[in-house]
Amino acid sequence: MGANPQISAHLESGDEVVILEGEVDEVKDTSVLKLLDQAYKAKYGMAMQGPGCIYKLIARKIFAWSEQDFPTSATRWNFM
């Protein structure tokens, strides 16, 4: 992991918006990686490709809204 684990992630859509802010941490637990690989195989019919790193996002803030009824649909969650 780099010096700054802070991250912001969002959906590609501008109509249905979800933004997550938090920190990432590399998943190194082999039992968790095996479960992820099994789920990936079940969905895509093949094993995850490597080498690479898997990260988990620990969300601290989440923002969501729908463009169709913004601002009444705007929602924010804080997990501090």
PDB file of N, CA and C in Angstrom:
ATOM      1  N   MET A   1       0.845  -1.171   0.000  1.00  0.00           N
ATOM      2  CA  MET A   1       0.000   0.000   0.000  1.00  0.00           C
ATOM      3  C   MET A   1       0.882   1.223   0.000  1.00  0.00           C
ATOM      4  N   GLY A   2       0.448   2.229  -0.647  1.00  0.00           N
ATOM      5  CA  GLY A   2       1.201   3.471  -0.718  1.00  0.00           C
ATOM      6  C   GLY A   2       1.142   4.259   0.582  1.00  0.00           C
ATOM      7  N   ALA A   3       1.723   5.414   0.547  1.00  0.00           N
ATOM      8  CA  ALA A   3       1.793   6.266   1.740  1.00  0.00           C
ATOM      9  C   ALA A   3       0.423   6.816   2.136  1.00  0.00           C
ATOM     10  N   ASN A   4      -0.520   6.894   1.195  1.00  0.00           N
ATOM     11  CA  ASN A   4      -1.827   7.464   1.483  1.00  0.00           C
ATOM     12  C   ASN A   4      -2.926   6.490   1.036  1.00  0.00           C
ATOM     13  N   PRO A   5      -3.566   5.801   1.975  1.00  0.00           N
ATOM     14  CA  PRO A   5      -4.597   4.826   1.609  1.00  0.00           C
ATOM     15  C   PRO A   5      -5.970   5.434   1.358  1.00  0.00           C
ATOM     16  N   GLN A   6      -6.093   6.767   1.393  1.00  0.00           N
ATOM     17  CA  GLN A   6      -7.388   7.421   1.183  1.00  0.00           C
ATOM     18  C   GLN A   6      -7.849   7.213  -0.254  1.00  0.00           C
ATOM     19  N   ILE A   7      -9.159   6.961  -0.425  1.00  0.00           N
ATOM     20  CA  ILE A   7      -9.683   6.717  -1.769  1.00  0.00           C
ATOM     21  C   ILE A   7     -11.114   7.224  -1.877  1.00  0.00           C
ATOM     22  N   SER A   8     -11.492   7.540  -3.084  1.00  0.00           N
ATOM     23  CA  SER A   8     -12.857   7.882  -3.424  1.00  0.00           C
ATOM     24  C   SER A   8     -13.223   7.023  -4.631  1.00  0.00           C
ATOM     25  N   ALA A   9     -14.370   6.354  -4.570  1.00  0.00           N
ATOM     26  CA  ALA A   9     -14.817   5.494  -5.669  1.00  0.00           C
ATOM     27  C   ALA A   9     -16.271   5.820  -5.978  1.00  0.00           C
ATOM     28  N   HIS A  10     -16.653   5.707  -7.252  1.00  0.00           N
ATOM     29  CA  HIS A  10     -18.021   6.044  -7.636  1.00  0.00           C
ATOM     30  C   HIS A  10     -18.456   5.222  -8.834  1.00  0.00           C
ATOM     31  N   LEU A  11     -19.766   5.194  -9.045  1.00  0.00           N
ATOM     32  CA  LEU A  11     -20.330   4.546 -10.220  1.00  0.00           C
ATOM     33  C   LEU A  11     -20.027   5.384 -11.451  1.00  0.00           C
ATOM     34  N   GLU A  12     -20.085   4.756 -12.582  1.00  0.00           N
ATOM     35  CA  GLU A  12     -19.860   5.457 -13.846  1.00  0.00           C
ATOM     36  C   GLU A  12     -21.042   6.352 -14.216  1.00  0.00           C
ATOM     37  N   SER A  13     -22.221   5.973 -13.762  1.00  0.00           N
ATOM     38  CA  SER A  13     -23.445   6.684 -14.122  1.00  0.00           C
ATOM     39  C   SER A  13     -23.537   8.057 -13.463  1.00  0.00           C
ATOM     40  N   GLY A  14     -24.060   9.015 -14.186  1.00  0.00           N
ATOM     41  CA  GLY A  14     -24.362  10.316 -13.621  1.00  0.00           C
ATOM     42  C   GLY A  14     -25.841  10.427 -13.247  1.00  0.00           C
ATOM     43  N   ASP A  15     -26.628   9.410 -13.626  1.00  0.00           N
ATOM     44  CA  ASP A  15     -28.065   9.396 -13.323  1.00  0.00           C
ATOM     45  C   ASP A  15     -28.358   8.753 -11.966  1.00  0.00           C
ATOM     46  N   GLU A  16     -27.653   7.701 -11.641  1.00  0.00           N
ATOM     47  CA  GLU A  16     -27.769   7.008 -10.361  1.00  0.00           C
ATOM     48  C   GLU A  16     -26.406   7.112  -9.699  1.00  0.00           C
ATOM     49  N   VAL A  17     -26.272   7.994  -8.740  1.00  0.00           N
ATOM     50  CA  VAL A  17     -24.965   8.330  -8.180  1.00  0.00           C
ATOM     51  C   VAL A  17     -24.747   7.647  -6.837  1.00  0.00           C
ATOM     52  N   VAL A  18     -23.588   7.008  -6.703  1.00  0.00           N
ATOM     53  CA  VAL A  18     -23.119   6.464  -5.427  1.00  0.00           C
ATOM     54  C   VAL A  18     -21.629   6.790  -5.345  1.00  0.00           C
ATOM     55  N   ILE A  19     -21.236   7.476  -4.278  1.00  0.00           N
ATOM     56  CA  ILE A  19     -19.835   7.837  -4.063  1.00  0.00           C
ATOM     57  C   ILE A  19     -19.418   7.303  -2.695  1.00  0.00           C
ATOM     58  N   LEU A  20     -18.322   6.565  -2.663  1.00  0.00           N
ATOM     59  CA  LEU A  20     -17.783   6.040  -1.412  1.00  0.00           C
ATOM     60  C   LEU A  20     -16.449   6.697  -1.131  1.00  0.00           C
ATOM     61  N   GLU A  21     -16.258   7.147   0.095  1.00  0.00           N
ATOM     62  CA  GLU A  21     -14.987   7.715   0.524  1.00  0.00           C
ATOM     63  C   GLU A  21     -14.496   6.919   1.727  1.00  0.00           C
ATOM     64  N   GLY A  22     -13.207   6.623   1.745  1.00  0.00           N
ATOM     65  CA  GLY A  22     -12.654   5.877   2.865  1.00  0.00           C
ATOM     66  C   GLY A  22     -11.204   5.537   2.651  1.00  0.00           C
ATOM     67  N   GLU A  23     -10.832   4.372   3.156  1.00  0.00           N
ATOM     68  CA  GLU A  23      -9.456   3.905   3.064  1.00  0.00           C
ATOM     69  C   GLU A  23      -9.442   2.501   2.497  1.00  0.00           C
ATOM     70  N   VAL A  24      -8.359   2.161   1.813  1.00  0.00           N
ATOM     71  CA  VAL A  24      -8.201   0.811   1.294  1.00  0.00           C
ATOM     72  C   VAL A  24      -7.092   0.086   2.047  1.00  0.00           C
ATOM     73  N   ASP A  25      -7.234  -1.224   2.078  1.00  0.00           N
ATOM     74  CA  ASP A  25      -6.243  -2.079   2.711  1.00  0.00           C
ATOM     75  C   ASP A  25      -6.117  -3.329   1.842  1.00  0.00           C
ATOM     76  N   GLU A  26      -4.906  -3.782   1.626  1.00  0.00           N
ATOM     77  CA  GLU A  26      -4.690  -4.964   0.791  1.00  0.00           C
ATOM     78  C   GLU A  26      -5.186  -6.214   1.504  1.00  0.00           C
ATOM     79  N   VAL A  27      -5.893  -7.079   0.764  1.00  0.00           N
ATOM     80  CA  VAL A  27      -6.373  -8.351   1.303  1.00  0.00           C
ATOM     81  C   VAL A  27      -5.254  -9.374   1.130  1.00  0.00           C
ATOM     82  N   LYS A  28      -4.761  -9.892   2.246  1.00  0.00           N
ATOM     83  CA  LYS A  28      -3.681 -10.886   2.205  1.00  0.00           C
ATOM     84  C   LYS A  28      -4.094 -12.231   2.780  1.00  0.00           C
ATOM     85  N   ASP A  29      -5.255 -12.283   3.432  1.00  0.00           N
ATOM     86  CA  ASP A  29      -5.755 -13.509   4.045  1.00  0.00           C
ATOM     87  C   ASP A  29      -6.103 -14.510   2.939  1.00  0.00           C
ATOM     88  N   THR A  30      -5.388 -15.628   2.882  1.00  0.00           N
ATOM     89  CA  THR A  30      -5.580 -16.597   1.797  1.00  0.00           C
ATOM     90  C   THR A  30      -6.974 -17.209   1.809  1.00  0.00           C
ATOM     91  N   SER A  31      -7.602 -17.356   2.984  1.00  0.00           N
ATOM     92  CA  SER A  31      -8.955 -17.914   3.019  1.00  0.00           C
ATOM     93  C   SER A  31      -9.950 -16.945   2.382  1.00  0.00           C
ATOM     94  N   VAL A  32      -9.772 -15.649   2.584  1.00  0.00           N
ATOM     95  CA  VAL A  32     -10.634 -14.644   1.953  1.00  0.00           C
ATOM     96  C   VAL A  32     -10.388 -14.619   0.445  1.00  0.00           C
ATOM     97  N   LEU A  33      -9.126 -14.692   0.032  1.00  0.00           N
ATOM     98  CA  LEU A  33      -8.807 -14.707  -1.399  1.00  0.00           C
ATOM     99  C   LEU A  33      -9.400 -15.934  -2.088  1.00  0.00           C
ATOM    100  N   LYS A  34      -9.397 -17.088  -1.415  1.00  0.00           N
ATOM    101  CA  LYS A  34     -10.018 -18.291  -1.990  1.00  0.00           C
ATOM    102  C   LYS A  34     -11.519 -18.112  -2.160  1.00  0.00           C
ATOM    103  N   LEU A  35     -12.180 -17.505  -1.163  1.00  0.00           N
ATOM    104  CA  LEU A  35     -13.617 -17.242  -1.277  1.00  0.00           C
ATOM    105  C   LEU A  35     -13.919 -16.286  -2.421  1.00  0.00           C
ATOM    106  N   LEU A  36     -13.103 -15.263  -2.568  1.00  0.00           N
ATOM    107  CA  LEU A  36     -13.280 -14.329  -3.687  1.00  0.00           C
ATOM    108  C   LEU A  36     -13.103 -15.043  -5.022  1.00  0.00           C
ATOM    109  N   ASP A  37     -12.120 -15.915  -5.114  1.00  0.00           N
ATOM    110  CA  ASP A  37     -11.875 -16.661  -6.345  1.00  0.00           C
ATOM    111  C   ASP A  37     -13.053 -17.576  -6.667  1.00  0.00           C
ATOM    112  N   GLN A  38     -13.619 -18.226  -5.643  1.00  0.00           N
ATOM    113  CA  GLN A  38     -14.788 -19.087  -5.859  1.00  0.00           C
ATOM    114  C   GLN A  38     -15.981 -18.284  -6.372  1.00  0.00           C
ATOM    115  N   ALA A  39     -16.212 -17.110  -5.774  1.00  0.00           N
ATOM    116  CA  ALA A  39     -17.319 -16.269  -6.215  1.00  0.00           C
ATOM    117  C   ALA A  39     -17.093 -15.780  -7.645  1.00  0.00           C
ATOM    118  N   TYR A  40     -15.859 -15.434  -7.970  1.00  0.00           N
ATOM    119  CA  TYR A  40     -15.508 -14.986  -9.318  1.00  0.00           C
ATOM    120  C   TYR A  40     -15.748 -16.107 -10.329  1.00  0.00           C
ATOM    121  N   LYS A  41     -15.311 -17.329  -9.983  1.00  0.00           N
ATOM    122  CA  LYS A  41     -15.529 -18.489 -10.872  1.00  0.00           C
ATOM    123  C   LYS A  41     -17.006 -18.742 -11.091  1.00  0.00           C
ATOM    124  N   ALA A  42     -17.803 -18.638 -10.009  1.00  0.00           N
ATOM    125  CA  ALA A  42     -19.245 -18.874 -10.124  1.00  0.00           C
ATOM    126  C   ALA A  42     -19.899 -17.852 -11.054  1.00  0.00           C
ATOM    127  N   LYS A  43     -19.445 -16.616 -11.006  1.00  0.00           N
ATOM    128  CA  LYS A  43     -20.049 -15.566 -11.827  1.00  0.00           C
ATOM    129  C   LYS A  43     -19.531 -15.563 -13.254  1.00  0.00           C
ATOM    130  N   TYR A  44     -18.202 -15.709 -13.439  1.00  0.00           N
ATOM    131  CA  TYR A  44     -17.595 -15.534 -14.760  1.00  0.00           C
ATOM    132  C   TYR A  44     -17.126 -16.828 -15.415  1.00  0.00           C
ATOM    133  N   GLY A  45     -17.176 -17.947 -14.685  1.00  0.00           N
ATOM    134  CA  GLY A  45     -16.787 -19.223 -15.269  1.00  0.00           C
ATOM    135  C   GLY A  45     -15.289 -19.409 -15.435  1.00  0.00           C
ATOM    136  N   MET A  46     -14.495 -18.606 -14.757  1.00  0.00           N
ATOM    137  CA  MET A  46     -13.040 -18.755 -14.815  1.00  0.00           C
ATOM    138  C   MET A  46     -12.428 -18.171 -13.544  1.00  0.00           C
ATOM    139  N   ALA A  47     -11.173 -18.569 -13.287  1.00  0.00           N
ATOM    140  CA  ALA A  47     -10.485 -18.083 -12.095  1.00  0.00           C
ATOM    141  C   ALA A  47     -10.050 -16.635 -12.285  1.00  0.00           C
ATOM    142  N   MET A  48      -9.861 -15.928 -11.156  1.00  0.00           N
ATOM    143  CA  MET A  48      -9.323 -14.573 -11.221  1.00  0.00           C
ATOM    144  C   MET A  48      -7.924 -14.647 -11.826  1.00  0.00           C
ATOM    145  N   GLN A  49      -7.580 -13.652 -12.598  1.00  0.00           N
ATOM    146  CA  GLN A  49      -6.273 -13.614 -13.233  1.00  0.00           C
ATOM    147  C   GLN A  49      -5.278 -12.888 -12.334  1.00  0.00           C
ATOM    148  N   GLY A  50      -4.070 -13.343 -12.298  1.00  0.00           N
ATOM    149  CA  GLY A  50      -3.042 -12.711 -11.464  1.00  0.00           C
ATOM    150  C   GLY A  50      -1.800 -12.505 -12.304  1.00  0.00           C
ATOM    151  N   PRO A  51      -0.735 -12.006 -11.812  1.00  0.00           N
ATOM    152  CA  PRO A  51      -0.627 -11.531 -10.432  1.00  0.00           C
ATOM    153  C   PRO A  51      -1.303 -10.183 -10.290  1.00  0.00           C
ATOM    154  N   GLY A  52      -1.582  -9.831  -9.087  1.00  0.00           N
ATOM    155  CA  GLY A  52      -2.232  -8.556  -8.815  1.00  0.00           C
ATOM    156  C   GLY A  52      -2.529  -8.441  -7.342  1.00  0.00           C
ATOM    157  N   CYS A  53      -3.132  -7.362  -6.971  1.00  0.00           N
ATOM    158  CA  CYS A  53      -3.494  -7.117  -5.585  1.00  0.00           C
ATOM    159  C   CYS A  53      -5.006  -6.946  -5.490  1.00  0.00           C
ATOM    160  N   ILE A  54      -5.562  -7.421  -4.406  1.00  0.00           N
ATOM    161  CA  ILE A  54      -6.973  -7.232  -4.102  1.00  0.00           C
ATOM    162  C   ILE A  54      -7.037  -6.301  -2.902  1.00  0.00           C
ATOM    163  N   TYR A  55      -7.859  -5.270  -2.997  1.00  0.00           N
ATOM    164  CA  TYR A  55      -8.005  -4.308  -1.911  1.00  0.00           C
ATOM    165  C   TYR A  55      -9.440  -4.293  -1.416  1.00  0.00           C
ATOM    166  N   LYS A  56      -9.603  -4.058  -0.133  1.00  0.00           N
ATOM    167  CA  LYS A  56     -10.939  -3.841   0.417  1.00  0.00           C
ATOM    168  C   LYS A  56     -11.065  -2.364   0.747  1.00  0.00           C
ATOM    169  N   LEU A  57     -12.251  -1.836   0.515  1.00  0.00           N
ATOM    170  CA  LEU A  57     -12.544  -0.440   0.815  1.00  0.00           C
ATOM    171  C   LEU A  57     -13.290  -0.385   2.142  1.00  0.00           C
ATOM    172  N   ILE A  58     -12.749   0.357   3.078  1.00  0.00           N
ATOM    173  CA  ILE A  58     -13.400   0.593   4.362  1.00  0.00           C
ATOM    174  C   ILE A  58     -14.062   1.966   4.241  1.00  0.00           C
ATOM    175  N   ALA A  59     -15.359   1.952   3.965  1.00  0.00           N
ATOM    176  CA  ALA A  59     -16.085   3.194   3.691  1.00  0.00           C
ATOM    177  C   ALA A  59     -16.260   4.002   4.973  1.00  0.00           C
ATOM    178  N   ARG A  60     -15.970   5.279   4.883  1.00  0.00           N
ATOM    179  CA  ARG A  60     -16.180   6.217   5.992  1.00  0.00           C
ATOM    180  C   ARG A  60     -17.359   7.138   5.696  1.00  0.00           C
ATOM    181  N   LYS A  61     -17.572   7.457   4.420  1.00  0.00           N
ATOM    182  CA  LYS A  61     -18.709   8.286   3.993  1.00  0.00           C
ATOM    183  C   LYS A  61     -19.269   7.709   2.699  1.00  0.00           C
ATOM    184  N   ILE A  62     -20.578   7.757   2.581  1.00  0.00           N
ATOM    185  CA  ILE A  62     -21.247   7.328   1.350  1.00  0.00           C
ATOM    186  C   ILE A  62     -22.276   8.389   0.992  1.00  0.00           C
ATOM    187  N   PHE A  63     -22.259   8.784  -0.259  1.00  0.00           N
ATOM    188  CA  PHE A  63     -23.218   9.745  -0.793  1.00  0.00           C
ATOM    189  C   PHE A  63     -23.989   9.045  -1.916  1.00  0.00           C
ATOM    190  N   ALA A  64     -25.285   9.305  -2.004  1.00  0.00           N
ATOM    191  CA  ALA A  64     -26.082   8.701  -3.077  1.00  0.00           C
ATOM    192  C   ALA A  64     -27.244   9.620  -3.428  1.00  0.00           C
ATOM    193  N   TRP A  65     -27.601   9.617  -4.710  1.00  0.00           N
ATOM    194  CA  TRP A  65     -28.784  10.335  -5.158  1.00  0.00           C
ATOM    195  C   TRP A  65     -29.148   9.879  -6.555  1.00  0.00           C
ATOM    196  N   SER A  66     -30.339  10.207  -6.943  1.00  0.00           N
ATOM    197  CA  SER A  66     -30.838   9.946  -8.286  1.00  0.00           C
ATOM    198  C   SER A  66     -30.987  11.287  -8.990  1.00  0.00           C
ATOM    199  N   GLU A  67     -30.460  11.388 -10.176  1.00  0.00           N
ATOM    200  CA  GLU A  67     -30.514  12.650 -10.931  1.00  0.00           C
ATOM    201  C   GLU A  67     -31.958  13.065 -11.171  1.00  0.00           C
ATOM    202  N   GLN A  68     -32.826  12.087 -11.364  1.00  0.00           N
ATOM    203  CA  GLN A  68     -34.229  12.347 -11.698  1.00  0.00           C
ATOM    204  C   GLN A  68     -34.945  13.150 -10.608  1.00  0.00           C
ATOM    205  N   ASP A  69     -34.629  12.905  -9.343  1.00  0.00           N
ATOM    206  CA  ASP A  69     -35.329  13.629  -8.279  1.00  0.00           C
ATOM    207  C   ASP A  69     -34.371  14.304  -7.289  1.00  0.00           C
ATOM    208  N   PHE A  70     -33.206  14.686  -7.787  1.00  0.00           N
ATOM    209  CA  PHE A  70     -32.258  15.441  -6.972  1.00  0.00           C
ATOM    210  C   PHE A  70     -32.835  16.836  -6.735  1.00  0.00           C
ATOM    211  N   PRO A  71     -32.762  17.441  -5.620  1.00  0.00           N
ATOM    212  CA  PRO A  71     -31.994  17.094  -4.423  1.00  0.00           C
ATOM    213  C   PRO A  71     -32.767  16.308  -3.369  1.00  0.00           C
ATOM    214  N   THR A  72     -34.047  16.009  -3.621  1.00  0.00           N
ATOM    215  CA  THR A  72     -34.821  15.316  -2.580  1.00  0.00           C
ATOM    216  C   THR A  72     -34.334  13.898  -2.309  1.00  0.00           C
ATOM    217  N   SER A  73     -33.642  13.280  -3.254  1.00  0.00           N
ATOM    218  CA  SER A  73     -33.141  11.916  -3.054  1.00  0.00           C
ATOM    219  C   SER A  73     -31.728  11.872  -2.483  1.00  0.00           C
ATOM    220  N   ALA A  74     -31.095  13.022  -2.313  1.00  0.00           N
ATOM    221  CA  ALA A  74     -29.704  13.055  -1.822  1.00  0.00           C
ATOM    222  C   ALA A  74     -29.626  12.486  -0.402  1.00  0.00           C
ATOM    223  N   THR A  75     -28.691  11.563  -0.217  1.00  0.00           N
ATOM    224  CA  THR A  75     -28.513  10.889   1.061  1.00  0.00           C
ATOM    225  C   THR A  75     -27.034  10.832   1.387  1.00  0.00           C
ATOM    226  N   ARG A  76     -26.703  10.900   2.677  1.00  0.00           N
ATOM    227  CA  ARG A  76     -25.308  10.809   3.109  1.00  0.00           C
ATOM    228  C   ARG A  76     -25.243   9.966   4.378  1.00  0.00           C
ATOM    229  N   TRP A  77     -24.293   9.034   4.391  1.00  0.00           N
ATOM    230  CA  TRP A  77     -24.040   8.213   5.575  1.00  0.00           C
ATOM    231  C   TRP A  77     -22.614   8.470   6.033  1.00  0.00           C
ATOM    232  N   ASN A  78     -22.416   8.567   7.345  1.00  0.00           N
ATOM    233  CA  ASN A  78     -21.087   8.718   7.933  1.00  0.00           C
ATOM    234  C   ASN A  78     -20.817   7.516   8.839  1.00  0.00           C
ATOM    235  N   PHE A  79     -19.661   6.883   8.653  1.00  0.00           N
ATOM    236  CA  PHE A  79     -19.243   5.748   9.471  1.00  0.00           C
ATOM    237  C   PHE A  79     -17.902   6.082  10.109  1.00  0.00           C
ATOM    238  N   MET A  80     -17.880   7.014  11.002  1.00  0.00           N
ATOM    239  CA  MET A  80     -16.626   7.446  11.609  1.00  0.00           C
ATOM    240  C   MET A  80     -16.356   6.727  12.894  1.00  0.00           C
TER     241      MET A  80
END
